[in-house]
C-alpha atoms as a PDB file:
ATOM      1  CA  UNK A   1     115.396  76.482 129.294  1.00  0.00           C
ATOM      2  CA  UNK A   2     113.289  79.346 127.797  1.00  0.00           C
ATOM      3  CA  UNK A   3     114.017  82.890 128.950  1.00  0.00           C
ATOM      4  CA  UNK A   4     111.042  84.506 130.669  1.00  0.00           C
ATOM      5  CA  UNK A   5     109.528  87.756 129.481  1.00  0.00           C
ATOM      6  CA  UNK A   6     110.460  89.351 132.813  1.00  0.00           C
ATOM      7  CA  UNK A   7     114.127  88.462 132.300  1.00  0.00           C
ATOM      8  CA  UNK A   8     114.085  89.863 128.776  1.00  0.00           C
ATOM      9  CA  UNK A   9     112.442  93.052 130.041  1.00  0.00           C
ATOM     10  CA  UNK A  10     115.026  93.395 132.821  1.00  0.00           C
ATOM     11  CA  UNK A  11     117.925  92.979 130.395  1.00  0.00           C
ATOM     12  CA  UNK A  12     116.399  95.478 128.005  1.00  0.00           C
ATOM     13  CA  UNK A  13     115.875  98.092 130.702  1.00  0.00           C
ATOM     14  CA  UNK A  14     119.417  97.530 132.044  1.00  0.00           C
ATOM     15  CA  UNK A  15     120.886  97.944 128.568  1.00  0.00           C
ATOM     16  CA  UNK A  16     118.933 101.146 128.002  1.00  0.00           C
ATOM     17  CA  UNK A  17     120.025 102.547 131.373  1.00  0.00           C
ATOM     18  CA  UNK A  18     123.671 101.714 130.706  1.00  0.00           C
ATOM     19  CA  UNK A  19     123.435 103.308 127.304  1.00  0.00           C
ATOM     20  CA  UNK A  20     121.881 106.416 128.791  1.00  0.00           C
ATOM     21  CA  UNK A  21     124.627 106.634 131.424  1.00  0.00           C
ATOM     22  CA  UNK A  22     127.325 106.197 128.805  1.00  0.00           C
ATOM     23  CA  UNK A  23     125.811 108.797 126.499  1.00  0.00           C
ATOM     24  CA  UNK A  24     125.439 111.187 129.467  1.00  0.00           C
ATOM     25  CA  UNK A  25     129.113 110.747 130.327  1.00  0.00           C
ATOM     26  CA  UNK A  26     130.123 111.307 126.695  1.00  0.00           C
ATOM     27  CA  UNK A  27     128.117 114.543 126.653  1.00  0.00           C
ATOM     28  CA  UNK A  28     129.894 115.653 129.825  1.00  0.00           C
ATOM     29  CA  UNK A  29     133.273 115.057 128.214  1.00  0.00           C
ATOM     30  CA  UNK A  30     132.315 117.341 125.354  1.00  0.00           C
ATOM     31  CA  UNK A  31     130.598 119.912 127.566  1.00  0.00           C
ATOM     32  CA  UNK A  32     132.034 123.401 128.045  1.00  0.00           C
ATOM     33  CA  UNK A  33     129.992 123.957 131.217  1.00  0.00           C
ATOM     34  CA  UNK A  34     132.733 123.926 133.859  1.00  0.00           C
ATOM     35  CA  UNK A  35     130.354 123.934 136.842  1.00  0.00           C
ATOM     36  CA  UNK A  36     128.257 121.066 135.533  1.00  0.00           C
ATOM     37  CA  UNK A  37     131.365 119.086 134.661  1.00  0.00           C
ATOM     38  CA  UNK A  38     132.889 119.674 138.105  1.00  0.00           C
ATOM     39  CA  UNK A  39     129.713 118.629 139.921  1.00  0.00           C
ATOM     40  CA  UNK A  40     129.560 115.444 137.844  1.00  0.00           C
ATOM     41  CA  UNK A  41     133.228 114.674 138.515  1.00  0.00           C
ATOM     42  CA  UNK A  42     132.669 114.980 142.283  1.00  0.00           C
ATOM     43  CA  UNK A  43     129.617 112.720 142.068  1.00  0.00           C
ATOM     44  CA  UNK A  44     131.543 110.096 140.130  1.00  0.00           C
ATOM     45  CA  UNK A  45     134.368 110.367 142.706  1.00  0.00           C
ATOM     46  CA  UNK A  46     131.982 109.944 145.637  1.00  0.00           C
ATOM     47  CA  UNK A  47     130.473 106.879 143.966  1.00  0.00           C
ATOM     48  CA  UNK A  48     133.928 105.331 143.531  1.00  0.00           C
ATOM     49  CA  UNK A  49     133.964 105.679 139.721  1.00  0.00           C
ATOM     50  CA  UNK A  50     137.531 106.937 139.726  1.00  0.00           C
ATOM     51  CA  UNK A  51     138.119 106.436 136.011  1.00  0.00           C
ATOM     52  CA  UNK A  52     135.332 108.782 134.952  1.00  0.00           C
ATOM     53  CA  UNK A  53     136.030 111.202 137.779  1.00  0.00           C
ATOM     54  CA  UNK A  54     139.703 111.329 136.844  1.00  0.00           C
ATOM     55  CA  UNK A  55     139.020 111.853 133.147  1.00  0.00           C
ATOM     56  CA  UNK A  56     136.696 114.783 133.863  1.00  0.00           C
ATOM     57  CA  UNK A  57     139.025 116.308 136.472  1.00  0.00           C
ATOM     58  CA  UNK A  58     142.015 116.142 134.142  1.00  0.00           C
ATOM     59  CA  UNK A  59     140.090 118.286 131.669  1.00  0.00           C
ATOM     60  CA  UNK A  60     138.849 120.630 134.392  1.00  0.00           C
ATOM     61  CA  UNK A  61     142.029 121.412 136.309  1.00  0.00           C
ATOM     62  CA  UNK A  62     143.415 123.974 133.817  1.00  0.00           C
ATOM     63  CA  UNK A  63     139.969 125.629 133.693  1.00  0.00           C
ATOM     64  CA  UNK A  64     139.650 125.848 137.492  1.00  0.00           C
ATOM     65  CA  UNK A  65     142.845 127.826 138.113  1.00  0.00           C
ATOM     66  CA  UNK A  66     142.143 130.696 140.474  1.00  0.00           C
ATOM     67  CA  UNK A  67     138.813 129.241 141.576  1.00  0.00           C
ATOM     68  CA  UNK A  68     138.094 127.794 145.070  1.00  0.00           C
ATOM     69  CA  UNK A  69     137.331 124.388 143.538  1.00  0.00           C
ATOM     70  CA  UNK A  70     140.844 124.055 142.102  1.00  0.00           C
ATOM     71  CA  UNK A  71     142.392 122.763 145.338  1.00  0.00           C
ATOM     72  CA  UNK A  72     139.858 119.992 145.845  1.00  0.00           C
ATOM     73  CA  UNK A  73     139.926 119.095 142.150  1.00  0.00           C
ATOM     74  CA  UNK A  74     143.703 118.616 142.167  1.00  0.00           C
ATOM     75  CA  UNK A  75     143.623 116.465 145.298  1.00  0.00           C
ATOM     76  CA  UNK A  76     140.783 114.354 143.926  1.00  0.00           C
ATOM     77  CA  UNK A  77     142.556 113.954 140.599  1.00  0.00           C
ATOM     78  CA  UNK A  78     145.747 112.745 142.303  1.00  0.00           C
ATOM     79  CA  UNK A  79     143.684 110.315 144.356  1.00  0.00           C
ATOM     80  CA  UNK A  80     141.856 108.932 141.298  1.00  0.00           C
ATOM     81  CA  UNK A  81     145.245 107.835 139.986  1.00  0.00           C
ATOM     82  CA  UNK A  82     146.097 106.282 143.342  1.00  0.00           C
ATOM     83  CA  UNK A  83     142.780 104.431 143.510  1.00  0.00           C
ATOM     84  CA  UNK A  84     143.412 103.041 140.024  1.00  0.00           C
ATOM     85  CA  UNK A  85     146.894 101.890 141.113  1.00  0.00           C
ATOM     86  CA  UNK A  86     148.685 104.295 138.798  1.00  0.00           C
ATOM     87  CA  UNK A  87     151.287 104.860 141.506  1.00  0.00           C
ATOM     88  CA  UNK A  88     153.879 106.662 139.393  1.00  0.00           C
ATOM     89  CA  UNK A  89     151.244 109.201 138.370  1.00  0.00           C
ATOM     90  CA  UNK A  90     149.695 109.494 141.823  1.00  0.00           C
ATOM     91  CA  UNK A  91     153.119 110.142 143.372  1.00  0.00           C
ATOM     92  CA  UNK A  92     153.740 112.871 140.800  1.00  0.00           C
ATOM     93  CA  UNK A  93     150.352 114.554 141.262  1.00  0.00           C
ATOM     94  CA  UNK A  94     150.368 114.362 145.076  1.00  0.00           C
ATOM     95  CA  UNK A  95     153.813 115.992 145.041  1.00  0.00           C
ATOM     96  CA  UNK A  96     152.495 118.645 142.672  1.00  0.00           C
ATOM     97  CA  UNK A  97     149.551 119.204 145.023  1.00  0.00           C
ATOM     98  CA  UNK A  98     151.689 119.650 148.160  1.00  0.00           C
ATOM     99  CA  UNK A  99     154.020 122.003 146.314  1.00  0.00           C
ATOM    100  CA  UNK A 100     151.028 124.112 145.243  1.00  0.00           C
ATOM    101  CA  UNK A 101     148.938 123.864 148.424  1.00  0.00           C
ATOM    102  CA  UNK A 102     151.334 123.186 151.345  1.00  0.00           C
ATOM    103  CA  UNK A 103     148.827 124.525 153.903  1.00  0.00           C
ATOM    104  CA  UNK A 104     145.756 122.799 152.496  1.00  0.00           C
ATOM    105  CA  UNK A 105     143.426 120.773 154.751  1.00  0.00           C
ATOM    106  CA  UNK A 106     144.285 117.929 152.360  1.00  0.00           C
ATOM    107  CA  UNK A 107     148.053 118.447 152.712  1.00  0.00           C
ATOM    108  CA  UNK A 108     148.713 115.834 155.406  1.00  0.00           C
ATOM    109  CA  UNK A 109     146.864 113.130 153.502  1.00  0.00           C
ATOM    110  CA  UNK A 110     148.523 114.204 150.260  1.00  0.00           C
ATOM    111  CA  UNK A 111     152.015 113.930 151.790  1.00  0.00           C
ATOM    112  CA  UNK A 112     151.075 110.525 153.162  1.00  0.00           C
ATOM    113  CA  UNK A 113     149.649 109.260 149.871  1.00  0.00           C
ATOM    114  CA  UNK A 114     152.676 110.572 147.994  1.00  0.00           C
ATOM    115  CA  UNK A 115     154.894 108.491 150.271  1.00  0.00           C
ATOM    116  CA  UNK A 116     152.593 105.483 150.018  1.00  0.00           C
ATOM    117  CA  UNK A 117     152.510 105.724 146.216  1.00  0.00           C
ATOM    118  CA  UNK A 118     156.307 105.573 146.150  1.00  0.00           C
ATOM    119  CA  UNK A 119     156.219 102.697 148.633  1.00  0.00           C
ATOM    120  CA  UNK A 120     153.795 100.708 146.472  1.00  0.00           C
ATOM    121  CA  UNK A 121     155.888 101.435 143.378  1.00  0.00           C
ATOM    122  CA  UNK A 122     159.063 100.150 145.046  1.00  0.00           C
ATOM    123  CA  UNK A 123     160.346  97.102 143.091  1.00  0.00           C
ATOM    124  CA  UNK A 124     161.514  93.736 144.398  1.00  0.00           C
ATOM    125  CA  UNK A 125     164.899  93.672 146.127  1.00  0.00           C
ATOM    126  CA  UNK A 126     166.571  92.031 143.111  1.00  0.00           C
ATOM    127  CA  UNK A 127     165.966  95.173 141.001  1.00  0.00           C
ATOM    128  CA  UNK A 128     167.431  98.676 141.194  1.00  0.00           C
ATOM    129  CA  UNK A 129     166.409 100.305 144.487  1.00  0.00           C
ATOM    130  CA  UNK A 130     166.438 103.988 143.498  1.00  0.00           C
ATOM    131  CA  UNK A 131     162.650 104.156 143.954  1.00  0.00           C
ATOM    132  CA  UNK A 132     162.935 102.487 147.356  1.00  0.00           C
ATOM    133  CA  UNK A 133     165.387 105.139 148.535  1.00  0.00           C
ATOM    134  CA  UNK A 134     163.042 107.877 147.248  1.00  0.00           C
ATOM    135  CA  UNK A 135     160.154 106.262 149.123  1.00  0.00           C
ATOM    136  CA  UNK A 136     162.154 106.176 152.365  1.00  0.00           C
ATOM    137  CA  UNK A 137     163.085 109.833 151.980  1.00  0.00           C
ATOM    138  CA  UNK A 138     159.439 110.736 151.389  1.00  0.00           C
ATOM    139  CA  UNK A 139     158.309 108.720 154.426  1.00  0.00           C
ATOM    140  CA  UNK A 140     160.900 110.423 156.626  1.00  0.00           C
ATOM    141  CA  UNK A 141     159.808 113.822 155.327  1.00  0.00           C
ATOM    142  CA  UNK A 142     156.202 112.975 156.192  1.00  0.00           C
ATOM    143  CA  UNK A 143     157.129 111.846 159.724  1.00  0.00           C
ATOM    144  CA  UNK A 144     159.162 115.000 160.275  1.00  0.00           C
ATOM    145  CA  UNK A 145     156.199 117.152 159.223  1.00  0.00           C
ATOM    146  CA  UNK A 146     153.465 115.210 160.995  1.00  0.00           C
ATOM    147  CA  UNK A 147     154.974 113.548 164.052  1.00  0.00           C
ATOM    148  CA  UNK A 148     151.545 112.898 165.600  1.00  0.00           C
ATOM    149  CA  UNK A 149     149.715 111.927 162.416  1.00  0.00           C
ATOM    150  CA  UNK A 150     147.043 109.240 162.386  1.00  0.00           C
ATOM    151  CA  UNK A 151     149.104 107.731 159.548  1.00  0.00           C
ATOM    152  CA  UNK A 152     152.271 107.552 161.679  1.00  0.00           C
ATOM    153  CA  UNK A 153     152.160 103.835 162.520  1.00  0.00           C
ATOM    154  CA  UNK A 154     151.500 102.801 158.930  1.00  0.00           C
ATOM    155  CA  UNK A 155     154.298 104.990 157.556  1.00  0.00           C
ATOM    156  CA  UNK A 156     156.717 103.590 160.146  1.00  0.00           C
ATOM    157  CA  UNK A 157     155.710 100.062 159.098  1.00  0.00           C
ATOM    158  CA  UNK A 158     156.315 100.985 155.463  1.00  0.00           C
ATOM    159  CA  UNK A 159     159.726 102.373 156.367  1.00  0.00           C
ATOM    160  CA  UNK A 160     160.696  99.155 158.149  1.00  0.00           C
ATOM    161  CA  UNK A 161     159.595  97.056 155.180  1.00  0.00           C
ATOM    162  CA  UNK A 162     161.638  99.175 152.772  1.00  0.00           C
ATOM    163  CA  UNK A 163     164.677  99.062 155.067  1.00  0.00           C
ATOM    164  CA  UNK A 164     164.467  95.255 155.054  1.00  0.00           C
ATOM    165  CA  UNK A 165     164.323  95.329 151.275  1.00  0.00           C
ATOM    166  CA  UNK A 166     167.506  97.422 151.100  1.00  0.00           C
ATOM    167  CA  UNK A 167     169.126  95.098 153.632  1.00  0.00           C
ATOM    168  CA  UNK A 168     168.191  92.080 151.512  1.00  0.00           C
ATOM    169  CA  UNK A 169     169.512  93.822 148.399  1.00  0.00           C
ATOM    170  CA  UNK A 170     172.823  94.658 150.089  1.00  0.00           C
ATOM    171  CA  UNK A 171     173.316  91.100 151.314  1.00  0.00           C
ATOM    172  CA  UNK A 172     172.426  89.482 148.000  1.00  0.00           C
ATOM    173  CA  UNK A 173     174.721  91.882 146.124  1.00  0.00           C
ATOM    174  CA  UNK A 174     177.593  91.029 148.464  1.00  0.00           C
ATOM    175  CA  UNK A 175     176.855  87.315 148.239  1.00  0.00           C
ATOM    176  CA  UNK A 176     176.873  87.526 144.445  1.00  0.00           C
ATOM    177  CA  UNK A 177     180.537  88.588 144.521  1.00  0.00           C
ATOM    178  CA  UNK A 178     181.219  85.524 146.659  1.00  0.00           C
ATOM    179  CA  UNK A 179     179.296  83.217 144.305  1.00  0.00           C
ATOM    180  CA  UNK A 180     181.217  84.599 141.322  1.00  0.00           C
ATOM    181  CA  UNK A 181     184.486  84.046 143.245  1.00  0.00           C
ATOM    182  CA  UNK A 182     185.399  87.724 143.176  1.00  0.00           C
ATOM    183  CA  UNK A 183     186.853  87.175 146.623  1.00  0.00           C
ATOM    184  CA  UNK A 184     188.432  90.552 147.267  1.00  0.00           C
ATOM    185  CA  UNK A 185     185.238  92.361 146.248  1.00  0.00           C
ATOM    186  CA  UNK A 186     183.211  89.915 148.346  1.00  0.00           C
ATOM    187  CA  UNK A 187     185.285  90.674 151.456  1.00  0.00           C
ATOM    188  CA  UNK A 188     184.810  94.423 150.973  1.00  0.00           C
ATOM    189  CA  UNK A 189     181.068  94.144 150.277  1.00  0.00           C
ATOM    190  CA  UNK A 190     180.415  91.747 153.165  1.00  0.00           C
ATOM    191  CA  UNK A 191     182.428  93.922 155.557  1.00  0.00           C
ATOM    192  CA  UNK A 192     180.392  96.970 154.501  1.00  0.00           C
ATOM    193  CA  UNK A 193     177.197  94.966 154.958  1.00  0.00           C
ATOM    194  CA  UNK A 194     178.166  93.987 158.501  1.00  0.00           C
ATOM    195  CA  UNK A 195     178.955  97.605 159.360  1.00  0.00           C
ATOM    196  CA  UNK A 196     175.718  98.911 157.890  1.00  0.00           C
ATOM    197  CA  UNK A 197     173.421  96.162 159.217  1.00  0.00           C
ATOM    198  CA  UNK A 198     174.991  94.795 162.431  1.00  0.00           C
ATOM    199  CA  UNK A 199     171.675  93.391 163.699  1.00  0.00           C
ATOM    200  CA  UNK A 200     170.641  91.839 160.389  1.00  0.00           C
ATOM    201  CA  UNK A 201     169.075  88.401 160.125  1.00  0.00           C
ATOM    202  CA  UNK A 202     171.846  87.737 157.583  1.00  0.00           C
ATOM    203  CA  UNK A 203     174.635  88.794 159.969  1.00  0.00           C
ATOM    204  CA  UNK A 204     175.910  85.292 160.799  1.00  0.00           C
ATOM    205  CA  UNK A 205     175.825  84.185 157.170  1.00  0.00           C
ATOM    206  CA  UNK A 206     177.616  87.352 156.110  1.00  0.00           C
ATOM    207  CA  UNK A 207     180.349  86.784 158.712  1.00  0.00           C
ATOM    208  CA  UNK A 208     180.906  83.203 157.553  1.00  0.00           C
ATOM    209  CA  UNK A 209     180.983  84.172 153.876  1.00  0.00           C
ATOM    210  CA  UNK A 210     183.445  86.964 154.632  1.00  0.00           C
ATOM    211  CA  UNK A 211     185.752  84.501 156.377  1.00  0.00           C
ATOM    212  CA  UNK A 212     185.429  82.043 153.482  1.00  0.00           C
ATOM    213  CA  UNK A 213     186.099  84.740 150.865  1.00  0.00           C
ATOM    214  CA  UNK A 214     189.092  86.061 152.802  1.00  0.00           C
ATOM    215  CA  UNK A 215     190.516  82.547 153.149  1.00  0.00           C
ATOM    216  CA  UNK A 216     190.038  81.863 149.415  1.00  0.00           C
ATOM    217  CA  UNK A 217     191.588  85.227 148.546  1.00  0.00           C
ATOM    218  CA  UNK A 218     194.638  84.409 150.657  1.00  0.00           C
ATOM    219  CA  UNK A 219     194.944  80.964 149.050  1.00  0.00           C
ATOM    220  CA  UNK A 220     194.919  82.362 145.514  1.00  0.00           C
ATOM    221  CA  UNK A 221     197.255  85.295 146.257  1.00  0.00           C
ATOM    222  CA  UNK A 222     200.892  85.551 145.273  1.00  0.00           C
ATOM    223  CA  UNK A 223     203.165  84.477 148.098  1.00  0.00           C
ATOM    224  CA  UNK A 224     204.362  87.919 149.177  1.00  0.00           C
ATOM    225  CA  UNK A 225     200.705  88.905 149.800  1.00  0.00           C
ATOM    226  CA  UNK A 226     199.586  85.711 151.496  1.00  0.00           C
ATOM    227  CA  UNK A 227     200.810  86.416 155.009  1.00  0.00           C
ATOM    228  CA  UNK A 228     198.758  89.572 155.544  1.00  0.00           C
ATOM    229  CA  UNK A 229     195.695  87.927 153.977  1.00  0.00           C
ATOM    230  CA  UNK A 230     195.913  84.763 156.085  1.00  0.00           C
ATOM    231  CA  UNK A 231     196.335  86.992 159.145  1.00  0.00           C
ATOM    232  CA  UNK A 232     193.069  88.710 158.171  1.00  0.00           C
ATOM    233  CA  UNK A 233     191.409  85.288 157.795  1.00  0.00           C
ATOM    234  CA  UNK A 234     192.544  84.337 161.307  1.00  0.00           C
ATOM    235  CA  UNK A 235     191.153  87.631 162.656  1.00  0.00           C
ATOM    236  CA  UNK A 236     187.830  87.044 160.881  1.00  0.00           C
ATOM    237  CA  UNK A 237     187.677  83.545 162.370  1.00  0.00           C
ATOM    238  CA  UNK A 238     188.209  84.899 165.897  1.00  0.00           C
ATOM    239  CA  UNK A 239     185.434  87.451 165.377  1.00  0.00           C
ATOM    240  CA  UNK A 240     183.144  84.748 163.998  1.00  0.00           C
ATOM    241  CA  UNK A 241     183.876  82.395 166.889  1.00  0.00           C
ATOM    242  CA  UNK A 242     183.220  85.141 169.463  1.00  0.00           C
ATOM    243  CA  UNK A 243     179.922  86.150 167.850  1.00  0.00           C
ATOM    244  CA  UNK A 244     178.585  82.695 166.931  1.00  0.00           C
ATOM    245  CA  UNK A 245     180.146  80.039 169.187  1.00  0.00           C
ATOM    246  CA  UNK A 246     177.365  77.540 168.405  1.00  0.00           C
ATOM    247  CA  UNK A 247     177.176  78.080 164.673  1.00  0.00           C
ATOM    248  CA  UNK A 248     176.472  75.089 162.434  1.00  0.00           C
ATOM    249  CA  UNK A 249     179.377  76.303 160.263  1.00  0.00           C
ATOM    250  CA  UNK A 250     181.881  76.279 163.104  1.00  0.00           C
ATOM    251  CA  UNK A 251     183.657  73.097 161.901  1.00  0.00           C
ATOM    252  CA  UNK A 252     184.221  74.575 158.421  1.00  0.00           C
ATOM    253  CA  UNK A 253     185.411  77.827 159.991  1.00  0.00           C
ATOM    254  CA  UNK A 254     187.795  75.894 162.264  1.00  0.00           C
ATOM    255  CA  UNK A 255     189.243  74.057 159.265  1.00  0.00           C
ATOM    256  CA  UNK A 256     189.970  77.353 157.498  1.00  0.00           C
ATOM    257  CA  UNK A 257     191.533  78.693 160.670  1.00  0.00           C
ATOM    258  CA  UNK A 258     193.789  75.651 161.037  1.00  0.00           C
ATOM    259  CA  UNK A 259     194.988  75.861 157.435  1.00  0.00           C
ATOM    260  CA  UNK A 260     195.546  79.608 157.779  1.00  0.00           C
ATOM    261  CA  UNK A 261     197.679  79.068 160.896  1.00  0.00           C
ATOM    262  CA  UNK A 262     199.697  76.375 159.125  1.00  0.00           C
ATOM    263  CA  UNK A 263     200.256  78.708 156.177  1.00  0.00           C
ATOM    264  CA  UNK A 264     201.405  81.465 158.508  1.00  0.00           C
ATOM    265  CA  UNK A 265     203.964  79.092 160.042  1.00  0.00           C
ATOM    266  CA  UNK A 266     205.163  78.173 156.548  1.00  0.00           C
ATOM    267  CA  UNK A 267     205.399  81.821 155.529  1.00  0.00           C
ATOM    268  CA  UNK A 268     207.370  82.922 158.594  1.00  0.00           C
ATOM    269  CA  UNK A 269     210.790  82.184 157.078  1.00  0.00           C
ATOM    270  CA  UNK A 270     209.831  84.112 153.932  1.00  0.00           C
ATOM    271  CA  UNK A 271     208.673  87.042 156.044  1.00  0.00           C
ATOM    272  CA  UNK A 272     211.852  86.946 158.127  1.00  0.00           C
ATOM    273  CA  UNK A 273     214.010  86.850 154.984  1.00  0.00           C
ATOM    274  CA  UNK A 274     212.139  89.772 153.489  1.00  0.00           C
ATOM    275  CA  UNK A 275     212.807  91.840 156.609  1.00  0.00           C
ATOM    276  CA  UNK A 276     216.584  91.209 156.482  1.00  0.00           C
END
């Protein structure tokens, strides 16, 4: 199908306009006119061209020190990184902004976007959660500063999501000890999990795994340690039964309890002899 003259003309004009825009931007990059460069950066920002705005602002910020435009330029520059999903950089520059301009009209939003940048940079639960902890600390700091902020509900939602991630991480880490048959470590980790997250969605599973790990640990122990460890298994069973009387794992838990009681009967003579 032949291309019409109108189409060719349109493409030609578009190409020329794009070239003119590009050459204009290149001239701005090389320009030493701070005012002209700043005005162009703000225009690019307002149009949503955050790459060009950010590139110009990065050059301008050192030149704007001491000028009224410096505050706005630094906030805009931080936000260009956020808009381009460079969350590590946006977190850094928003923090730098709030440290420099704590009383700025932009301060509340900057604190919020700093926290949100850390939130968005938080990795999946299976990875190291140092960034997640930093994000939670930043969110709490924001809520302490701006208790009635328009961003309050969103930051609280972010906090809850991060807390669930830490909860998931703690449970999976504890369960890994169980899967690797490091039973003593599993009992300790699962106990700590239950103490830290008593209302967790994983609470029942954690209680059952703790009982199973304690039972296995008692089974594999040397005889002079078995009595105290089977007693702990019996105690864990009683706690599990009280908390989850209709659990689908109740039969397996009952079996471990029965064996533990039988072992305690067997070990009584040894315990009595040891006390004499």
